[in-house]
């Protein structure tokens, strides 16, 4: 009998995800006991989110719905596989959308794909001391994902993980990610000029990656042998600027919206353009560790916000405490 190839693959992956969940739960001293958490049921490395929250003691409602990564059934199946390995299946309830969860009792909401959008209607149903973990640095937040203004109006604390800080520290994975992309696409960096079109948050890591590969970071498109685009979700890159690059120049589209259809003289990587506002390459391309580390960091931010709000801290003081812990960054908008 022919065996479905994906079945055995995820058995091994689920075991590895469970090990990573235990590792980062201990490392970050994650404690969600007594908290009710609304997050997603997802696939791949992100299937660990709900089981990790449950492992930390939370009562978890996980939204499983179809998306471009798979069906609701696939998401629920993979979440349950990780949860079984962690012995926390009894702490997770799968729901089909966010409004099937008892929103008025939820303490912590994660800004995860299947939970979004976290809009005014959603926020209005949360209790006054509920909190939202953005699960990304606040500048990375896509405007349509979370209504930050409404959250503030309702007195809901929100913050995102400090991905560059010493605690969460996932930006360091950008260096091996660029190396992997270069190797996979047979790009030569040694003695080559590499144009960095990036946000200031990405720039120091990209400079280090380019220098590690033997390249020279530059700022003039006319001299570029390779381009790395990493501006984030809310900045549109100038087509005129990139049009100055020579024919056939490879462009690594890590993250940044651009009208590639009008720049066909360039070699775009990946070949399949990313969805607007999304990354072209993910840290999870390196394996599940960066994703699980970031998820654990995002849950830790939620833990600190929820604990302090539960003790009567104001929203401002709650966010300040999370920031002082080095786990969090405040939402700027």
C-alpha atoms as a PDB file:
ATOM      1  CA  UNK A   1       0.000   0.000   0.000  1.00  0.00           C
ATOM      2  CA  UNK A   2       1.355   3.433  -0.937  1.00  0.00           C
ATOM      3  CA  UNK A   3       1.785   5.709   2.046  1.00  0.00           C
ATOM      4  CA  UNK A   4       0.928   9.405   1.860  1.00  0.00           C
ATOM      5  CA  UNK A   5       4.317  11.163   1.836  1.00  0.00           C
ATOM      6  CA  UNK A   6       3.232  14.106   4.014  1.00  0.00           C
ATOM      7  CA  UNK A   7       1.964  11.881   6.816  1.00  0.00           C
ATOM      8  CA  UNK A   8       5.317  10.466   7.936  1.00  0.00           C
ATOM      9  CA  UNK A   9       7.087  13.776   7.284  1.00  0.00           C
ATOM     10  CA  UNK A  10       4.906  15.615   9.774  1.00  0.00           C
ATOM     11  CA  UNK A  11       5.219  12.834  12.364  1.00  0.00           C
ATOM     12  CA  UNK A  12       8.953  13.592  12.533  1.00  0.00           C
ATOM     13  CA  UNK A  13       8.389  17.346  12.304  1.00  0.00           C
ATOM     14  CA  UNK A  14       5.761  17.227  15.048  1.00  0.00           C
ATOM     15  CA  UNK A  15       8.198  15.522  17.390  1.00  0.00           C
ATOM     16  CA  UNK A  16      10.858  18.136  16.613  1.00  0.00           C
ATOM     17  CA  UNK A  17       8.346  20.967  17.134  1.00  0.00           C
ATOM     18  CA  UNK A  18       7.379  19.513  20.508  1.00  0.00           C
ATOM     19  CA  UNK A  19      11.052  19.465  21.551  1.00  0.00           C
ATOM     20  CA  UNK A  20      11.481  23.086  20.447  1.00  0.00           C
ATOM     21  CA  UNK A  21       8.310  24.081  22.297  1.00  0.00           C
ATOM     22  CA  UNK A  22       9.653  22.611  25.542  1.00  0.00           C
ATOM     23  CA  UNK A  23      13.042  24.237  24.978  1.00  0.00           C
ATOM     24  CA  UNK A  24      11.765  27.783  24.452  1.00  0.00           C
ATOM     25  CA  UNK A  25       9.053  27.476  27.088  1.00  0.00           C
ATOM     26  CA  UNK A  26      11.830  26.787  29.595  1.00  0.00           C
ATOM     27  CA  UNK A  27      14.221  29.368  28.146  1.00  0.00           C
ATOM     28  CA  UNK A  28      11.655  32.192  28.342  1.00  0.00           C
ATOM     29  CA  UNK A  29      10.040  30.875  31.548  1.00  0.00           C
ATOM     30  CA  UNK A  30       6.705  31.080  29.806  1.00  0.00           C
ATOM     31  CA  UNK A  31       3.756  30.905  32.208  1.00  0.00           C
ATOM     32  CA  UNK A  32       0.215  31.360  30.887  1.00  0.00           C
ATOM     33  CA  UNK A  33      -1.484  29.452  33.697  1.00  0.00           C
ATOM     34  CA  UNK A  34      -4.901  30.837  34.491  1.00  0.00           C
ATOM     35  CA  UNK A  35      -5.054  32.764  31.205  1.00  0.00           C
ATOM     36  CA  UNK A  36      -7.446  32.152  28.334  1.00  0.00           C
ATOM     37  CA  UNK A  37      -5.681  32.512  25.003  1.00  0.00           C
ATOM     38  CA  UNK A  38      -7.059  33.027  21.497  1.00  0.00           C
ATOM     39  CA  UNK A  39      -4.572  32.099  18.795  1.00  0.00           C
ATOM     40  CA  UNK A  40      -4.474  30.180  15.537  1.00  0.00           C
ATOM     41  CA  UNK A  41      -4.409  26.575  14.461  1.00  0.00           C
ATOM     42  CA  UNK A  42      -1.844  26.659  11.667  1.00  0.00           C
ATOM     43  CA  UNK A  43       0.385  24.405   9.595  1.00  0.00           C
ATOM     44  CA  UNK A  44       4.111  23.736   9.478  1.00  0.00           C
ATOM     45  CA  UNK A  45       6.196  25.345  12.222  1.00  0.00           C
ATOM     46  CA  UNK A  46       3.297  27.640  13.134  1.00  0.00           C
ATOM     47  CA  UNK A  47       1.273  24.618  14.221  1.00  0.00           C
ATOM     48  CA  UNK A  48       3.257  24.871  17.464  1.00  0.00           C
ATOM     49  CA  UNK A  49       1.585  28.145  18.570  1.00  0.00           C
ATOM     50  CA  UNK A  50      -1.522  26.739  20.251  1.00  0.00           C
ATOM     51  CA  UNK A  51       0.283  23.711  21.812  1.00  0.00           C
ATOM     52  CA  UNK A  52       3.037  25.990  23.153  1.00  0.00           C
ATOM     53  CA  UNK A  53       0.463  28.270  24.784  1.00  0.00           C
ATOM     54  CA  UNK A  54      -1.198  25.194  26.290  1.00  0.00           C
ATOM     55  CA  UNK A  55       2.146  23.788  27.462  1.00  0.00           C
ATOM     56  CA  UNK A  56       2.644  27.068  29.346  1.00  0.00           C
ATOM     57  CA  UNK A  57      -0.626  26.430  31.166  1.00  0.00           C
ATOM     58  CA  UNK A  58      -3.060  28.463  29.093  1.00  0.00           C
ATOM     59  CA  UNK A  59      -6.591  27.465  28.165  1.00  0.00           C
ATOM     60  CA  UNK A  60      -6.405  27.829  24.401  1.00  0.00           C
ATOM     61  CA  UNK A  61      -8.912  28.508  21.647  1.00  0.00           C
ATOM     62  CA  UNK A  62      -7.274  27.930  18.248  1.00  0.00           C
ATOM     63  CA  UNK A  63      -8.850  29.219  15.030  1.00  0.00           C
ATOM     64  CA  UNK A  64      -8.622  26.757  12.133  1.00  0.00           C
ATOM     65  CA  UNK A  65      -9.791  28.052   8.785  1.00  0.00           C
ATOM     66  CA  UNK A  66      -8.725  27.482   5.175  1.00  0.00           C
ATOM     67  CA  UNK A  67      -5.967  29.693   3.786  1.00  0.00           C
ATOM     68  CA  UNK A  68      -3.243  29.532   1.140  1.00  0.00           C
ATOM     69  CA  UNK A  69      -1.207  27.166   3.327  1.00  0.00           C
ATOM     70  CA  UNK A  70      -3.875  24.494   3.673  1.00  0.00           C
ATOM     71  CA  UNK A  71      -7.362  23.522   4.761  1.00  0.00           C
ATOM     72  CA  UNK A  72      -8.850  24.028   8.209  1.00  0.00           C
ATOM     73  CA  UNK A  73      -8.733  20.257   8.672  1.00  0.00           C
ATOM     74  CA  UNK A  74      -4.999  20.150   7.882  1.00  0.00           C
ATOM     75  CA  UNK A  75      -4.314  22.929  10.384  1.00  0.00           C
ATOM     76  CA  UNK A  76      -6.331  21.223  13.117  1.00  0.00           C
ATOM     77  CA  UNK A  77      -4.671  17.868  12.403  1.00  0.00           C
ATOM     78  CA  UNK A  78      -1.144  19.261  12.669  1.00  0.00           C
ATOM     79  CA  UNK A  79      -1.928  21.207  15.840  1.00  0.00           C
ATOM     80  CA  UNK A  80      -3.372  18.086  17.453  1.00  0.00           C
ATOM     81  CA  UNK A  81      -0.289  16.081  16.435  1.00  0.00           C
ATOM     82  CA  UNK A  82       2.035  18.489  18.281  1.00  0.00           C
ATOM     83  CA  UNK A  83      -0.379  18.798  21.215  1.00  0.00           C
ATOM     84  CA  UNK A  84      -0.462  15.010  21.680  1.00  0.00           C
ATOM     85  CA  UNK A  85       3.332  14.888  21.885  1.00  0.00           C
ATOM     86  CA  UNK A  86       3.232  17.575  24.560  1.00  0.00           C
ATOM     87  CA  UNK A  87       0.328  15.995  26.430  1.00  0.00           C
ATOM     88  CA  UNK A  88      -1.792  19.168  26.220  1.00  0.00           C
ATOM     89  CA  UNK A  89      -4.614  18.200  23.844  1.00  0.00           C
ATOM     90  CA  UNK A  90      -7.169  18.684  26.627  1.00  0.00           C
ATOM     91  CA  UNK A  91      -6.209  22.360  26.921  1.00  0.00           C
ATOM     92  CA  UNK A  92      -6.940  23.233  23.285  1.00  0.00           C
ATOM     93  CA  UNK A  93     -10.313  23.807  21.659  1.00  0.00           C
ATOM     94  CA  UNK A  94     -10.425  24.187  17.872  1.00  0.00           C
ATOM     95  CA  UNK A  95     -12.854  26.829  16.567  1.00  0.00           C
ATOM     96  CA  UNK A  96     -13.662  27.799  12.980  1.00  0.00           C
ATOM     97  CA  UNK A  97     -13.435  31.566  13.435  1.00  0.00           C
ATOM     98  CA  UNK A  98     -12.542  34.041  16.156  1.00  0.00           C
ATOM     99  CA  UNK A  99     -16.161  34.802  17.008  1.00  0.00           C
ATOM    100  CA  UNK A 100     -16.810  31.163  17.952  1.00  0.00           C
ATOM    101  CA  UNK A 101     -14.495  31.702  20.919  1.00  0.00           C
ATOM    102  CA  UNK A 102     -15.930  33.322  24.077  1.00  0.00           C
ATOM    103  CA  UNK A 103     -14.265  36.671  23.344  1.00  0.00           C
ATOM    104  CA  UNK A 104     -15.563  38.340  26.512  1.00  0.00           C
ATOM    105  CA  UNK A 105     -13.490  35.847  28.576  1.00  0.00           C
ATOM    106  CA  UNK A 106     -10.260  35.930  26.527  1.00  0.00           C
ATOM    107  CA  UNK A 107      -7.209  37.394  28.292  1.00  0.00           C
ATOM    108  CA  UNK A 108      -4.616  37.171  25.523  1.00  0.00           C
ATOM    109  CA  UNK A 109      -5.070  37.442  21.755  1.00  0.00           C
ATOM    110  CA  UNK A 110      -2.224  36.781  19.323  1.00  0.00           C
ATOM    111  CA  UNK A 111      -2.053  38.647  16.032  1.00  0.00           C
ATOM    112  CA  UNK A 112      -1.839  35.375  14.086  1.00  0.00           C
ATOM    113  CA  UNK A 113      -2.995  34.754  10.530  1.00  0.00           C
ATOM    114  CA  UNK A 114      -6.182  32.826  11.219  1.00  0.00           C
ATOM    115  CA  UNK A 115      -7.220  35.198  14.027  1.00  0.00           C
ATOM    116  CA  UNK A 116      -6.960  38.354  11.913  1.00  0.00           C
ATOM    117  CA  UNK A 117      -8.292  40.904  11.262  1.00  0.00           C
ATOM    118  CA  UNK A 118      -8.345  42.201  14.808  1.00  0.00           C
ATOM    119  CA  UNK A 119     -10.732  45.009  13.972  1.00  0.00           C
ATOM    120  CA  UNK A 120     -13.035  47.311  15.933  1.00  0.00           C
ATOM    121  CA  UNK A 121     -15.883  44.778  16.015  1.00  0.00           C
ATOM    122  CA  UNK A 122     -13.534  42.096  17.378  1.00  0.00           C
ATOM    123  CA  UNK A 123     -11.896  44.394  19.948  1.00  0.00           C
ATOM    124  CA  UNK A 124     -15.226  45.687  21.235  1.00  0.00           C
ATOM    125  CA  UNK A 125     -16.094  42.185  22.498  1.00  0.00           C
ATOM    126  CA  UNK A 126     -12.948  41.703  24.610  1.00  0.00           C
ATOM    127  CA  UNK A 127     -13.002  42.422  28.330  1.00  0.00           C
ATOM    128  CA  UNK A 128     -11.287  45.668  29.481  1.00  0.00           C
ATOM    129  CA  UNK A 129      -8.076  44.001  30.678  1.00  0.00           C
ATOM    130  CA  UNK A 130      -7.549  41.802  27.628  1.00  0.00           C
ATOM    131  CA  UNK A 131      -4.260  42.237  25.758  1.00  0.00           C
ATOM    132  CA  UNK A 132      -2.976  41.696  22.222  1.00  0.00           C
ATOM    133  CA  UNK A 133       0.482  40.392  21.368  1.00  0.00           C
ATOM    134  CA  UNK A 134       1.381  41.574  17.871  1.00  0.00           C
ATOM    135  CA  UNK A 135       3.756  38.583  17.415  1.00  0.00           C
ATOM    136  CA  UNK A 136       6.036  40.808  15.255  1.00  0.00           C
ATOM    137  CA  UNK A 137       7.899  44.044  15.890  1.00  0.00           C
ATOM    138  CA  UNK A 138       5.348  46.884  15.701  1.00  0.00           C
ATOM    139  CA  UNK A 139       6.895  48.484  12.583  1.00  0.00           C
ATOM    140  CA  UNK A 140       6.345  45.178  10.765  1.00  0.00           C
ATOM    141  CA  UNK A 141       2.606  45.261  11.452  1.00  0.00           C
ATOM    142  CA  UNK A 142       0.424  45.442   8.342  1.00  0.00           C
ATOM    143  CA  UNK A 143      -2.089  48.234   8.856  1.00  0.00           C
ATOM    144  CA  UNK A 144      -5.085  46.077   7.933  1.00  0.00           C
ATOM    145  CA  UNK A 145      -4.240  43.371  10.479  1.00  0.00           C
ATOM    146  CA  UNK A 146      -4.845  45.202  13.778  1.00  0.00           C
ATOM    147  CA  UNK A 147      -6.859  48.349  14.450  1.00  0.00           C
ATOM    148  CA  UNK A 148      -4.354  49.904  16.848  1.00  0.00           C
ATOM    149  CA  UNK A 149      -6.414  53.068  17.312  1.00  0.00           C
ATOM    150  CA  UNK A 150      -9.510  51.097  18.323  1.00  0.00           C
ATOM    151  CA  UNK A 151      -7.458  48.979  20.743  1.00  0.00           C
ATOM    152  CA  UNK A 152      -6.295  52.115  22.491  1.00  0.00           C
ATOM    153  CA  UNK A 153      -9.810  53.510  22.555  1.00  0.00           C
ATOM    154  CA  UNK A 154     -11.040  50.347  24.289  1.00  0.00           C
ATOM    155  CA  UNK A 155      -8.109  50.381  26.733  1.00  0.00           C
ATOM    156  CA  UNK A 156      -6.537  47.184  25.406  1.00  0.00           C
ATOM    157  CA  UNK A 157      -2.770  46.886  25.886  1.00  0.00           C
ATOM    158  CA  UNK A 158      -0.738  45.763  22.900  1.00  0.00           C
ATOM    159  CA  UNK A 159       2.967  45.324  22.146  1.00  0.00           C
ATOM    160  CA  UNK A 160       5.183  43.221  19.926  1.00  0.00           C
ATOM    161  CA  UNK A 161       8.281  41.090  20.572  1.00  0.00           C
ATOM    162  CA  UNK A 162      11.671  42.792  20.401  1.00  0.00           C
ATOM    163  CA  UNK A 163      13.064  40.579  17.639  1.00  0.00           C
ATOM    164  CA  UNK A 164      16.465  42.332  17.752  1.00  0.00           C
ATOM    165  CA  UNK A 165      16.791  42.255  21.531  1.00  0.00           C
ATOM    166  CA  UNK A 166      18.947  39.856  23.500  1.00  0.00           C
ATOM    167  CA  UNK A 167      15.964  37.794  24.685  1.00  0.00           C
ATOM    168  CA  UNK A 168      14.047  36.966  21.481  1.00  0.00           C
ATOM    169  CA  UNK A 169      16.970  37.623  19.102  1.00  0.00           C
ATOM    170  CA  UNK A 170      15.576  36.237  15.834  1.00  0.00           C
ATOM    171  CA  UNK A 171      17.012  38.871  13.468  1.00  0.00           C
ATOM    172  CA  UNK A 172      20.351  37.096  13.708  1.00  0.00           C
ATOM    173  CA  UNK A 173      18.838  34.344  11.552  1.00  0.00           C
ATOM    174  CA  UNK A 174      18.784  36.817   8.634  1.00  0.00           C
ATOM    175  CA  UNK A 175      22.481  36.151   8.103  1.00  0.00           C
ATOM    176  CA  UNK A 176      22.199  32.390   7.438  1.00  0.00           C
ATOM    177  CA  UNK A 177      18.971  33.038   5.506  1.00  0.00           C
ATOM    178  CA  UNK A 178      20.765  35.297   3.003  1.00  0.00           C
ATOM    179  CA  UNK A 179      23.570  32.724   2.785  1.00  0.00           C
ATOM    180  CA  UNK A 180      21.032  29.992   2.055  1.00  0.00           C
ATOM    181  CA  UNK A 181      19.318  32.048  -0.661  1.00  0.00           C
ATOM    182  CA  UNK A 182      22.663  32.815  -2.303  1.00  0.00           C
ATOM    183  CA  UNK A 183      23.712  29.170  -2.237  1.00  0.00           C
ATOM    184  CA  UNK A 184      20.371  27.861  -3.522  1.00  0.00           C
ATOM    185  CA  UNK A 185      20.305  30.324  -6.436  1.00  0.00           C
ATOM    186  CA  UNK A 186      24.047  30.044  -7.176  1.00  0.00           C
ATOM    187  CA  UNK A 187      24.643  33.742  -6.577  1.00  0.00           C
ATOM    188  CA  UNK A 188      28.227  34.907  -6.222  1.00  0.00           C
ATOM    189  CA  UNK A 189      28.805  37.596  -3.604  1.00  0.00           C
ATOM    190  CA  UNK A 190      32.597  37.473  -3.331  1.00  0.00           C
ATOM    191  CA  UNK A 191      34.140  40.622  -4.818  1.00  0.00           C
ATOM    192  CA  UNK A 192      30.654  41.742  -5.905  1.00  0.00           C
ATOM    193  CA  UNK A 193      28.773  44.971  -5.160  1.00  0.00           C
ATOM    194  CA  UNK A 194      25.542  44.311  -3.282  1.00  0.00           C
ATOM    195  CA  UNK A 195      22.909  47.057  -3.239  1.00  0.00           C
ATOM    196  CA  UNK A 196      20.943  47.106   0.016  1.00  0.00           C
ATOM    197  CA  UNK A 197      17.459  48.599  -0.273  1.00  0.00           C
ATOM    198  CA  UNK A 198      16.361  48.118   3.295  1.00  0.00           C
ATOM    199  CA  UNK A 199      14.776  49.550   6.404  1.00  0.00           C
ATOM    200  CA  UNK A 200      17.212  50.619   9.133  1.00  0.00           C
ATOM    201  CA  UNK A 201      16.084  47.656  11.259  1.00  0.00           C
ATOM    202  CA  UNK A 202      17.279  45.121   8.679  1.00  0.00           C
ATOM    203  CA  UNK A 203      20.376  46.957   7.502  1.00  0.00           C
ATOM    204  CA  UNK A 204      23.077  45.946  10.047  1.00  0.00           C
ATOM    205  CA  UNK A 205      22.193  42.272   9.695  1.00  0.00           C
ATOM    206  CA  UNK A 206      22.237  42.447   5.899  1.00  0.00           C
ATOM    207  CA  UNK A 207      25.586  44.249   5.905  1.00  0.00           C
ATOM    208  CA  UNK A 208      27.007  41.470   8.058  1.00  0.00           C
ATOM    209  CA  UNK A 209      25.523  38.799   5.764  1.00  0.00           C
ATOM    210  CA  UNK A 210      26.978  40.442   2.641  1.00  0.00           C
ATOM    211  CA  UNK A 211      30.427  40.856   4.213  1.00  0.00           C
ATOM    212  CA  UNK A 212      30.387  37.263   5.457  1.00  0.00           C
ATOM    213  CA  UNK A 213      29.818  36.155   1.853  1.00  0.00           C
ATOM    214  CA  UNK A 214      32.701  38.351   0.658  1.00  0.00           C
ATOM    215  CA  UNK A 215      30.598  41.080  -0.935  1.00  0.00           C
ATOM    216  CA  UNK A 216      30.665  44.882  -0.614  1.00  0.00           C
ATOM    217  CA  UNK A 217      27.479  46.696   0.477  1.00  0.00           C
ATOM    218  CA  UNK A 218      26.736  49.735  -1.741  1.00  0.00           C
ATOM    219  CA  UNK A 219      24.005  52.356  -2.155  1.00  0.00           C
ATOM    220  CA  UNK A 220      24.207  53.192  -5.903  1.00  0.00           C
ATOM    221  CA  UNK A 221      22.026  51.006  -8.173  1.00  0.00           C
ATOM    222  CA  UNK A 222      24.168  51.639 -11.267  1.00  0.00           C
ATOM    223  CA  UNK A 223      27.031  49.648  -9.741  1.00  0.00           C
ATOM    224  CA  UNK A 224      24.983  46.755  -8.311  1.00  0.00           C
ATOM    225  CA  UNK A 225      25.835  43.151  -9.098  1.00  0.00           C
ATOM    226  CA  UNK A 226      23.170  41.881  -6.674  1.00  0.00           C
ATOM    227  CA  UNK A 227      20.271  43.646  -4.914  1.00  0.00           C
ATOM    228  CA  UNK A 228      18.729  42.752  -1.560  1.00  0.00           C
ATOM    229  CA  UNK A 229      15.291  44.283  -0.999  1.00  0.00           C
ATOM    230  CA  UNK A 230      14.149  44.332   2.649  1.00  0.00           C
ATOM    231  CA  UNK A 231      11.986  47.335   3.462  1.00  0.00           C
ATOM    232  CA  UNK A 232       9.066  45.712   5.290  1.00  0.00           C
ATOM    233  CA  UNK A 233       5.322  45.721   4.584  1.00  0.00           C
ATOM    234  CA  UNK A 234       4.413  49.408   4.619  1.00  0.00           C
ATOM    235  CA  UNK A 235       7.002  51.007   2.309  1.00  0.00           C
ATOM    236  CA  UNK A 236       6.721  50.842  -1.470  1.00  0.00           C
ATOM    237  CA  UNK A 237      10.103  50.734  -3.162  1.00  0.00           C
ATOM    238  CA  UNK A 238      10.781  53.241  -5.941  1.00  0.00           C
ATOM    239  CA  UNK A 239      10.570  51.559  -9.329  1.00  0.00           C
ATOM    240  CA  UNK A 240      12.633  54.398 -10.800  1.00  0.00           C
ATOM    241  CA  UNK A 241      15.472  53.682  -8.362  1.00  0.00           C
ATOM    242  CA  UNK A 242      15.622  49.975  -9.222  1.00  0.00           C
ATOM    243  CA  UNK A 243      15.272  50.653 -12.958  1.00  0.00           C
ATOM    244  CA  UNK A 244      18.836  52.004 -12.870  1.00  0.00           C
ATOM    245  CA  UNK A 245      20.181  48.487 -12.218  1.00  0.00           C
ATOM    246  CA  UNK A 246      21.724  46.651 -15.160  1.00  0.00           C
ATOM    247  CA  UNK A 247      19.875  44.009 -17.159  1.00  0.00           C
ATOM    248  CA  UNK A 248      19.784  40.628 -15.447  1.00  0.00           C
ATOM    249  CA  UNK A 249      20.775  41.908 -12.000  1.00  0.00           C
ATOM    250  CA  UNK A 250      19.397  39.454  -9.417  1.00  0.00           C
ATOM    251  CA  UNK A 251      17.070  40.985  -6.814  1.00  0.00           C
ATOM    252  CA  UNK A 252      16.507  39.035  -3.588  1.00  0.00           C
ATOM    253  CA  UNK A 253      13.040  40.155  -2.516  1.00  0.00           C
ATOM    254  CA  UNK A 254      13.249  39.369   1.172  1.00  0.00           C
ATOM    255  CA  UNK A 255      10.432  41.727   2.069  1.00  0.00           C
ATOM    256  CA  UNK A 256       9.129  44.751   0.234  1.00  0.00           C
ATOM    257  CA  UNK A 257       6.363  45.579  -2.220  1.00  0.00           C
ATOM    258  CA  UNK A 258       7.448  46.605  -5.694  1.00  0.00           C
ATOM    259  CA  UNK A 259       5.923  46.482  -9.175  1.00  0.00           C
ATOM    260  CA  UNK A 260       8.217  43.759 -10.495  1.00  0.00           C
ATOM    261  CA  UNK A 261       6.136  43.444 -13.678  1.00  0.00           C
ATOM    262  CA  UNK A 262       7.543  46.778 -14.846  1.00  0.00           C
ATOM    263  CA  UNK A 263      11.101  45.796 -13.972  1.00  0.00           C
ATOM    264  CA  UNK A 264      11.387  42.687 -16.100  1.00  0.00           C
ATOM    265  CA  UNK A 265      14.994  43.432 -17.001  1.00  0.00           C
ATOM    266  CA  UNK A 266      15.881  42.275 -13.478  1.00  0.00           C
ATOM    267  CA  UNK A 267      16.082  38.692 -12.209  1.00  0.00           C
ATOM    268  CA  UNK A 268      13.594  38.441  -9.355  1.00  0.00           C
ATOM    269  CA  UNK A 269      14.028  35.950  -6.535  1.00  0.00           C
ATOM    270  CA  UNK A 270      11.875  34.164  -5.616  1.00  0.00           C
ATOM    271  CA  UNK A 271      10.449  33.633  -9.092  1.00  0.00           C
ATOM    272  CA  UNK A 272       6.908  33.536  -7.730  1.00  0.00           C
ATOM    273  CA  UNK A 273       6.229  37.059  -6.417  1.00  0.00           C
ATOM    274  CA  UNK A 274       5.179  37.240  -2.761  1.00  0.00           C
ATOM    275  CA  UNK A 275       1.675  38.330  -1.795  1.00  0.00           C
ATOM    276  CA  UNK A 276       1.537  42.072  -1.143  1.00  0.00           C
ATOM    277  CA  UNK A 277       2.685  42.859   2.390  1.00  0.00           C
ATOM    278  CA  UNK A 278       4.255  39.409   2.865  1.00  0.00           C
ATOM    279  CA  UNK A 279       7.844  38.188   2.862  1.00  0.00           C
ATOM    280  CA  UNK A 280       9.382  36.545  -0.187  1.00  0.00           C
ATOM    281  CA  UNK A 281      11.547  34.379   2.037  1.00  0.00           C
ATOM    282  CA  UNK A 282      10.801  33.308   5.607  1.00  0.00           C
ATOM    283  CA  UNK A 283      13.105  32.609   8.508  1.00  0.00           C
ATOM    284  CA  UNK A 284      11.282  29.288   8.753  1.00  0.00           C
ATOM    285  CA  UNK A 285      12.972  28.365   5.434  1.00  0.00           C
ATOM    286  CA  UNK A 286      15.963  27.609   7.671  1.00  0.00           C
ATOM    287  CA  UNK A 287      13.867  25.135   9.677  1.00  0.00           C
ATOM    288  CA  UNK A 288      11.358  25.536  12.507  1.00  0.00           C
ATOM    289  CA  UNK A 289      13.668  26.909  15.226  1.00  0.00           C
ATOM    290  CA  UNK A 290      13.453  30.648  14.302  1.00  0.00           C
ATOM    291  CA  UNK A 291       9.654  30.454  14.028  1.00  0.00           C
ATOM    292  CA  UNK A 292       9.213  28.648  17.357  1.00  0.00           C
ATOM    293  CA  UNK A 293      11.591  31.059  19.075  1.00  0.00           C
ATOM    294  CA  UNK A 294       9.617  34.058  17.756  1.00  0.00           C
ATOM    295  CA  UNK A 295       6.258  32.485  18.689  1.00  0.00           C
ATOM    296  CA  UNK A 296       7.511  31.837  22.223  1.00  0.00           C
ATOM    297  CA  UNK A 297       8.735  35.433  22.409  1.00  0.00           C
ATOM    298  CA  UNK A 298       5.371  36.737  21.230  1.00  0.00           C
ATOM    299  CA  UNK A 299       3.543  34.661  23.837  1.00  0.00           C
ATOM    300  CA  UNK A 300       5.936  35.942  26.521  1.00  0.00           C
ATOM    301  CA  UNK A 301       5.030  39.524  25.565  1.00  0.00           C
ATOM    302  CA  UNK A 302       1.364  38.586  25.957  1.00  0.00           C
ATOM    303  CA  UNK A 303       2.069  36.967  29.320  1.00  0.00           C
ATOM    304  CA  UNK A 304       3.729  40.097  30.725  1.00  0.00           C
ATOM    305  CA  UNK A 305       0.955  42.372  29.444  1.00  0.00           C
ATOM    306  CA  UNK A 306      -1.811  40.102  30.770  1.00  0.00           C
ATOM    307  CA  UNK A 307      -0.203  39.630  34.199  1.00  0.00           C
ATOM    308  CA  UNK A 308       0.382  43.328  34.743  1.00  0.00           C
ATOM    309  CA  UNK A 309      -3.070  44.330  33.507  1.00  0.00           C
ATOM    310  CA  UNK A 310      -4.549  41.691  35.801  1.00  0.00           C
ATOM    311  CA  UNK A 311      -2.748  43.344  38.734  1.00  0.00           C
ATOM    312  CA  UNK A 312      -4.324  46.674  37.919  1.00  0.00           C
ATOM    313  CA  UNK A 313      -1.506  48.317  35.972  1.00  0.00           C
ATOM    314  CA  UNK A 314      -2.605  50.954  33.475  1.00  0.00           C
ATOM    315  CA  UNK A 315      -2.116  50.195  29.776  1.00  0.00           C
ATOM    316  CA  UNK A 316       0.858  52.568  29.655  1.00  0.00           C
ATOM    317  CA  UNK A 317       2.542  51.015  32.723  1.00  0.00           C
ATOM    318  CA  UNK A 318       1.794  47.496  31.520  1.00  0.00           C
ATOM    319  CA  UNK A 319       3.482  48.133  28.166  1.00  0.00           C
ATOM    320  CA  UNK A 320       6.383  49.870  29.904  1.00  0.00           C
ATOM    321  CA  UNK A 321       6.934  46.820  32.131  1.00  0.00           C
ATOM    322  CA  UNK A 322       6.953  44.552  29.057  1.00  0.00           C
ATOM    323  CA  UNK A 323       9.487  46.811  27.333  1.00  0.00           C
ATOM    324  CA  UNK A 324      11.744  46.882  30.424  1.00  0.00           C
ATOM    325  CA  UNK A 325      11.810  43.094  30.376  1.00  0.00           C
ATOM    326  CA  UNK A 326      13.653  43.305  26.996  1.00  0.00           C
ATOM    327  CA  UNK A 327      11.036  41.012  25.470  1.00  0.00           C
ATOM    328  CA  UNK A 328       8.791  43.719  24.017  1.00  0.00           C
ATOM    329  CA  UNK A 329       8.553  46.853  21.889  1.00  0.00           C
ATOM    330  CA  UNK A 330       5.636  49.300  22.167  1.00  0.00           C
ATOM    331  CA  UNK A 331       3.206  49.849  19.295  1.00  0.00           C
ATOM    332  CA  UNK A 332       4.072  53.182  17.756  1.00  0.00           C
ATOM    333  CA  UNK A 333       0.874  53.995  15.878  1.00  0.00           C
END
